[in-house]
């Protein structure tokens, strides 16, 4: 018998590829027709109808695993199933729209990863005298802080904003930023560390920048992940930070402990930068 059409013709009529038709056969969604006397499978109207139905449902977003039961269902079940698929598609559309919004925010790298409050603060830094590199370092530290300690990040930003009004604090912060270019054994580092620690201790509201982002769990681990980011590039900043930490700890300020051996030379120590437990590189340290 030569009634019907070949698989290639059937695929073309249904708007799919031959490979897709065979895949539908493999999944049991479309029955394979019998072969004619020449050995070719001939697709009749029933197979073509089923093929079009499967392709239409697949194009509408119905998973192939659900297509067979859906086509074999009675009218009420078919309607209910379509409603469920419609809800799934609505959810997917919302997810895709959110992804597209994220792509648009990527045009402004800050807003893709940080809340508006953080972005607004970063935008103020250049006018306060911080360089582009220092602002970038602050951005990186804040992205990590938000990811690792999200529960305290908004409050931390409030403390940073208040600190921007403290002229002495800003002056010390700029000096700390400059120190990143010094030699690790520069004697000015000791004096600067003392000045920073004294200012923190004399102004408890500034000290919250150091203590405000301590995670509730795995505090030391999260602290190091954030505070040690990029520290290898600035050994002088690392030494400044370890000195500030030591002075604050000696005064009773709780800062997550370090894991480095105590015998390591001070010039090779890598520690969190002052301020926000090392999280606020732009406001306090300025450099990694």
Protein backbone atom coordinates (compact mmCIF):
# COMPACT_ATOMS: atom_id res chain seq x y z
CA UNK A 1 0.00 0.00 0.00
CA UNK A 2 1.23 3.44 -0.86
CA UNK A 3 -1.44 5.50 0.91
CA UNK A 4 -0.09 8.30 3.09
CA UNK A 5 3.15 10.25 3.03
CA UNK A 6 6.76 9.57 3.92
CA UNK A 7 8.33 10.60 7.21
CA UNK A 8 10.07 13.51 5.47
CA UNK A 9 6.79 14.79 4.07
CA UNK A 10 5.04 14.28 7.40
CA UNK A 11 7.74 16.27 9.19
CA UNK A 12 7.49 19.08 6.65
CA UNK A 13 3.70 19.23 6.91
CA UNK A 14 3.89 19.37 10.73
CA UNK A 15 6.67 21.94 10.78
CA UNK A 16 9.28 19.77 12.53
CA UNK A 17 12.36 17.82 11.55
CA UNK A 18 12.57 14.13 10.76
CA UNK A 19 14.73 13.76 13.86
CA UNK A 20 11.93 15.28 15.95
CA UNK A 21 9.36 12.87 14.48
CA UNK A 22 11.58 9.94 15.38
CA UNK A 23 12.02 11.38 18.88
CA UNK A 24 8.24 11.55 19.25
CA UNK A 25 8.07 7.90 18.18
CA UNK A 26 10.72 6.96 20.73
CA UNK A 27 8.77 8.67 23.52
CA UNK A 28 5.56 6.98 22.43
CA UNK A 29 3.83 10.27 21.66
CA UNK A 30 3.12 9.37 18.03
CA UNK A 31 2.57 5.77 16.95
CA UNK A 32 4.86 4.52 14.22
CA UNK A 33 2.80 3.67 11.12
CA UNK A 34 3.14 0.38 9.31
CA UNK A 35 5.54 0.01 6.40
CA UNK A 36 4.30 -0.40 2.86
CA UNK A 37 5.41 -3.06 0.40
CA UNK A 38 8.51 -1.01 -0.42
CA UNK A 39 9.58 -0.93 3.21
CA UNK A 40 8.72 2.73 3.81
CA UNK A 41 6.54 3.95 6.65
CA UNK A 42 3.49 5.80 5.39
CA UNK A 43 1.89 8.47 7.56
CA UNK A 44 -1.86 8.76 7.22
CA UNK A 45 -4.22 11.45 8.47
CA UNK A 46 -4.37 10.00 12.02
CA UNK A 47 -0.61 10.07 12.45
CA UNK A 48 -0.37 13.54 10.94
CA UNK A 49 -3.09 14.86 13.26
CA UNK A 50 -1.31 13.41 16.29
CA UNK A 51 2.00 14.79 15.12
CA UNK A 52 0.55 18.29 14.72
CA UNK A 53 -1.12 18.07 18.15
CA UNK A 54 2.14 17.08 19.84
CA UNK A 55 4.10 19.77 18.04
CA UNK A 56 1.50 22.41 18.95
CA UNK A 57 1.50 21.53 22.63
CA UNK A 58 5.31 21.42 22.69
CA UNK A 59 5.48 24.84 21.06
CA UNK A 60 3.06 26.13 23.70
CA UNK A 61 5.46 25.07 26.42
CA UNK A 62 3.91 21.79 27.51
CA UNK A 63 6.68 19.37 28.57
CA UNK A 64 6.86 16.32 26.34
CA UNK A 65 6.48 14.08 29.39
CA UNK A 66 3.02 15.59 29.94
CA UNK A 67 1.94 15.75 26.31
CA UNK A 68 0.81 12.14 25.94
CA UNK A 69 -1.44 12.04 29.02
CA UNK A 70 -2.79 15.47 28.09
CA UNK A 71 -3.84 14.38 24.59
CA UNK A 72 -5.37 11.20 25.95
CA UNK A 73 -7.34 12.98 28.67
CA UNK A 74 -11.05 13.70 28.53
CA UNK A 75 -12.31 17.26 28.02
CA UNK A 76 -12.44 18.35 31.72
CA UNK A 77 -8.97 16.97 32.45
CA UNK A 78 -7.61 18.51 29.27
CA UNK A 79 -8.95 21.94 30.26
CA UNK A 80 -7.56 21.65 33.79
CA UNK A 81 -4.19 20.55 32.48
CA UNK A 82 -4.04 23.47 30.08
CA UNK A 83 -4.80 25.86 32.94
CA UNK A 84 -1.90 24.40 34.89
CA UNK A 85 0.42 24.76 31.93
CA UNK A 86 -0.75 28.34 31.54
CA UNK A 87 0.22 29.07 35.14
CA UNK A 88 3.62 27.47 34.60
CA UNK A 89 4.18 29.63 31.55
CA UNK A 90 3.17 32.74 33.47
CA UNK A 91 5.78 31.91 36.10
CA UNK A 92 8.40 31.34 33.45
CA UNK A 93 7.55 34.65 31.79
CA UNK A 94 7.99 36.45 35.11
CA UNK A 95 11.34 34.74 35.61
CA UNK A 96 12.47 35.71 32.12
CA UNK A 97 11.39 39.31 32.66
CA UNK A 98 13.42 39.39 35.87
CA UNK A 99 16.42 38.02 34.01
CA UNK A 100 16.02 40.68 31.36
CA UNK A 101 15.81 43.35 34.05
CA UNK A 102 19.03 41.98 35.54
CA UNK A 103 20.72 42.19 32.13
CA UNK A 104 19.63 45.81 31.86
CA UNK A 105 21.03 46.52 35.32
CA UNK A 106 24.34 45.03 34.20
CA UNK A 107 24.78 48.19 32.15
CA UNK A 108 25.42 49.71 35.57
CA UNK A 109 27.61 47.10 37.24
CA UNK A 110 26.96 48.51 40.70
CA UNK A 111 23.19 48.17 40.55
CA UNK A 112 23.37 44.59 39.31
CA UNK A 113 24.94 43.41 42.57
CA UNK A 114 24.29 46.08 45.18
CA UNK A 115 21.21 47.86 46.56
CA UNK A 116 20.51 51.48 45.64
CA UNK A 117 21.74 52.74 49.01
CA UNK A 118 25.17 51.18 48.46
CA UNK A 119 25.35 52.55 44.91
CA UNK A 120 24.50 56.04 46.14
CA UNK A 121 27.30 55.88 48.71
CA UNK A 122 29.81 54.65 46.15
CA UNK A 123 28.88 57.54 43.89
CA UNK A 124 29.78 59.97 46.69
CA UNK A 125 33.28 58.58 47.24
CA UNK A 126 35.08 60.37 44.37
CA UNK A 127 33.91 63.77 45.62
CA UNK A 128 35.28 62.85 49.06
CA UNK A 129 38.73 62.29 47.60
CA UNK A 130 38.85 58.55 46.93
CA UNK A 131 40.36 57.35 43.67
CA UNK A 132 38.67 55.18 41.08
CA UNK A 133 40.71 52.16 42.23
CA UNK A 134 39.72 52.74 45.84
CA UNK A 135 36.05 52.97 44.92
CA UNK A 136 36.37 49.75 42.92
CA UNK A 137 37.95 48.03 45.92
CA UNK A 138 35.09 49.21 48.13
CA UNK A 139 32.59 47.89 45.60
CA UNK A 140 34.18 44.45 45.58
CA UNK A 141 34.25 44.30 49.36
CA UNK A 142 30.61 45.32 49.61
CA UNK A 143 29.47 42.74 47.05
CA UNK A 144 31.13 40.02 49.10
CA UNK A 145 29.76 41.43 52.35
CA UNK A 146 26.21 41.54 51.01
CA UNK A 147 26.47 37.96 49.79
CA UNK A 148 28.02 36.54 52.96
CA UNK A 149 26.31 38.64 55.66
CA UNK A 150 23.06 39.85 54.05
CA UNK A 151 21.23 40.20 57.35
CA UNK A 152 23.48 43.03 58.52
CA UNK A 153 24.35 44.78 55.28
CA UNK A 154 21.63 47.46 55.24
CA UNK A 155 22.42 48.54 58.80
CA UNK A 156 26.12 48.54 57.98
CA UNK A 157 25.49 50.98 55.13
CA UNK A 158 23.75 53.33 57.57
CA UNK A 159 26.87 53.32 59.77
CA UNK A 160 29.06 54.02 56.74
CA UNK A 161 26.85 56.92 55.66
CA UNK A 162 27.10 58.47 59.11
CA UNK A 163 30.88 58.02 59.06
CA UNK A 164 31.11 60.08 55.88
CA UNK A 165 30.17 63.11 57.98
CA UNK A 166 33.17 62.59 60.28
CA UNK A 167 36.02 64.66 58.84
CA UNK A 168 38.66 63.06 61.08
CA UNK A 169 37.51 59.60 60.11
CA UNK A 170 37.67 60.49 56.43
CA UNK A 171 41.17 61.92 56.84
CA UNK A 172 42.35 58.72 58.50
CA UNK A 173 40.64 56.67 55.82
CA UNK A 174 42.46 58.52 53.06
CA UNK A 175 45.75 58.02 54.87
CA UNK A 176 44.97 54.33 55.14
CA UNK A 177 44.28 54.26 51.40
CA UNK A 178 47.62 55.93 50.71
CA UNK A 179 49.42 53.45 52.97
CA UNK A 180 48.74 50.66 50.50
CA UNK A 181 51.62 52.04 48.41
CA UNK A 182 54.05 52.16 51.35
CA UNK A 183 56.63 49.54 52.25
CA UNK A 184 55.31 47.01 54.80
CA UNK A 185 57.91 48.09 57.39
CA UNK A 186 57.27 51.83 56.98
CA UNK A 187 57.23 53.34 60.50
CA UNK A 188 54.26 55.51 59.57
CA UNK A 189 52.07 52.39 59.58
CA UNK A 190 52.39 51.98 63.35
CA UNK A 191 51.39 55.58 63.99
CA UNK A 192 48.47 55.36 61.60
CA UNK A 193 47.26 52.11 63.17
CA UNK A 194 47.27 53.73 66.59
CA UNK A 195 45.37 56.75 65.31
CA UNK A 196 42.74 54.59 63.61
CA UNK A 197 42.23 52.35 66.62
CA UNK A 198 42.05 55.32 68.98
CA UNK A 199 39.43 57.00 66.79
CA UNK A 200 37.32 53.86 66.70
CA UNK A 201 37.51 53.44 70.45
CA UNK A 202 36.74 57.10 71.11
CA UNK A 203 33.70 57.01 68.83
CA UNK A 204 31.59 53.88 69.42
CA UNK A 205 29.34 54.81 66.53
CA UNK A 206 32.32 54.41 64.18
CA UNK A 207 33.27 51.13 65.81
CA UNK A 208 29.98 49.69 64.54
CA UNK A 209 31.54 49.70 61.07
CA UNK A 210 34.01 47.14 62.39
CA UNK A 211 31.59 45.08 64.45
CA UNK A 212 28.32 45.49 62.55
CA UNK A 213 28.94 42.85 59.89
CA UNK A 214 29.84 39.91 62.09
CA UNK A 215 27.88 36.93 60.82
CA UNK A 216 25.79 34.87 63.18
CA UNK A 217 27.32 31.62 61.93
CA UNK A 218 30.79 30.75 60.65
CA UNK A 219 31.85 34.25 61.63
CA UNK A 220 35.60 33.77 61.25
CA UNK A 221 35.27 32.02 57.89
CA UNK A 222 32.98 34.65 56.40
CA UNK A 223 35.13 37.40 57.90
CA UNK A 224 38.24 36.09 56.17
CA UNK A 225 36.51 35.52 52.83
CA UNK A 226 35.43 39.14 52.72
CA UNK A 227 38.31 40.86 54.45
CA UNK A 228 41.14 38.93 52.80
CA UNK A 229 39.89 39.50 49.26
CA UNK A 230 42.80 40.74 47.14
CA UNK A 231 45.03 41.28 50.15
CA UNK A 232 48.15 39.91 48.44
CA UNK A 233 48.40 43.08 46.37
CA UNK A 234 48.93 45.33 49.39
CA UNK A 235 51.18 43.91 52.13
CA UNK A 236 51.50 47.34 53.79
CA UNK A 237 47.73 47.58 54.06
CA UNK A 238 47.73 44.08 55.51
CA UNK A 239 50.20 45.07 58.20
CA UNK A 240 48.22 48.21 59.01
CA UNK A 241 45.10 46.13 59.37
CA UNK A 242 46.66 43.54 61.67
CA UNK A 243 47.97 46.31 63.92
CA UNK A 244 44.57 47.98 64.11
CA UNK A 245 42.93 44.62 64.84
CA UNK A 246 45.43 43.89 67.60
CA UNK A 247 44.79 47.24 69.27
CA UNK A 248 41.02 46.82 69.07
CA UNK A 249 41.16 43.28 70.43
CA UNK A 250 43.38 44.45 73.28
CA UNK A 251 40.68 46.97 74.11
CA UNK A 252 38.06 44.22 74.25
CA UNK A 253 36.51 44.64 70.80
CA UNK A 254 35.30 41.31 69.40
CA UNK A 255 36.79 40.62 65.99
CA UNK A 256 36.79 37.07 64.50
CA UNK A 257 40.15 35.44 65.08
CA UNK A 258 42.83 34.83 62.51
CA UNK A 259 44.20 31.45 61.52
CA UNK A 260 47.69 32.49 60.42
CA UNK A 261 50.58 31.29 62.63
CA UNK A 262 51.62 33.94 65.15
CA UNK A 263 55.28 33.55 64.15
CA UNK A 264 54.78 34.93 60.65
CA UNK A 265 56.72 38.17 60.07
CA UNK A 266 54.52 41.27 60.33
CA UNK A 267 55.45 42.35 56.80
CA UNK A 268 53.83 39.21 55.35
CA UNK A 269 50.63 39.27 57.38
CA UNK A 270 47.40 39.51 55.42
CA UNK A 271 44.57 40.93 57.48
CA UNK A 272 41.21 42.59 57.02
CA UNK A 273 41.39 46.29 56.32
CA UNK A 274 40.18 48.59 59.10
CA UNK A 275 36.53 49.41 59.02
CA UNK A 276 33.69 46.96 58.63
CA UNK A 277 36.00 44.16 59.63
CA UNK A 278 37.80 44.75 56.37
CA UNK A 279 34.59 45.07 54.39
CA UNK A 280 34.65 48.79 53.78
CA UNK A 281 37.78 49.18 51.74
CA UNK A 282 36.62 52.43 50.18
CA UNK A 283 35.67 54.28 53.34
CA UNK A 284 38.34 53.00 55.68
CA UNK A 285 41.14 51.36 53.81
CA UNK A 286 40.62 52.40 50.26
CA UNK A 287 42.93 49.71 48.90
CA UNK A 288 43.00 45.97 49.17
